Amino acid sequence: MGPYDDEKLGFYKVAQYYYYPSWWEGGEMLHLMINLGKWNELPKTCRSALFTACAYANSWMQARYDARNPLALEHLVAAGAQLRPFSPEILEACLAAANEVYAEISAQNADFKRVFEHMKAFRGDSYLWWQVAELGFDTFMVRARSRF
């Protein structure tokens, strides 16, 4: 969910404050789950076509939200919604609660634990890069936006 969906659903009519960042959702993502045995039975050309279609749909959807969310956020504010950031204390409490849930699931599900451990390692490496590339550039551009 983001401003585009929130505006369509009329949340601004019942909620005065619009809190950010979104709950553990840096960006939207689509998922397709297929039984591995059935996937392996598909001809390689069908697998390739399905993979390409899914990649396109995911990229298209993210780009669509990236294009629509800014104007929708302007509409929400114009309609009276007040932007409020979640405090660092709230975000820390949410992270701690999420980590507790992940630990509980990991203790009960070896597959989840294996995938989650790989995801955490990848996320850590990714955030290092994003801190160097994206965060630095975006921070500069946000501050400079009135000059272009």
Foldseek 3Di string as FASTA:
>chain_A
DALVVCVVVVVLVVAQEDEDDDDVDPFDFDDDDDDPVVLVPDDPVVNVVVVVVRVVVGVVVRVVCVVPRVVSVVVSVVVRRHYDYDDPVVVVVSVVVVVVVLVVVVVVDVVSVVVVVVVVVVVVVVVVVCVVPVVVVVVVCVVCVVVD
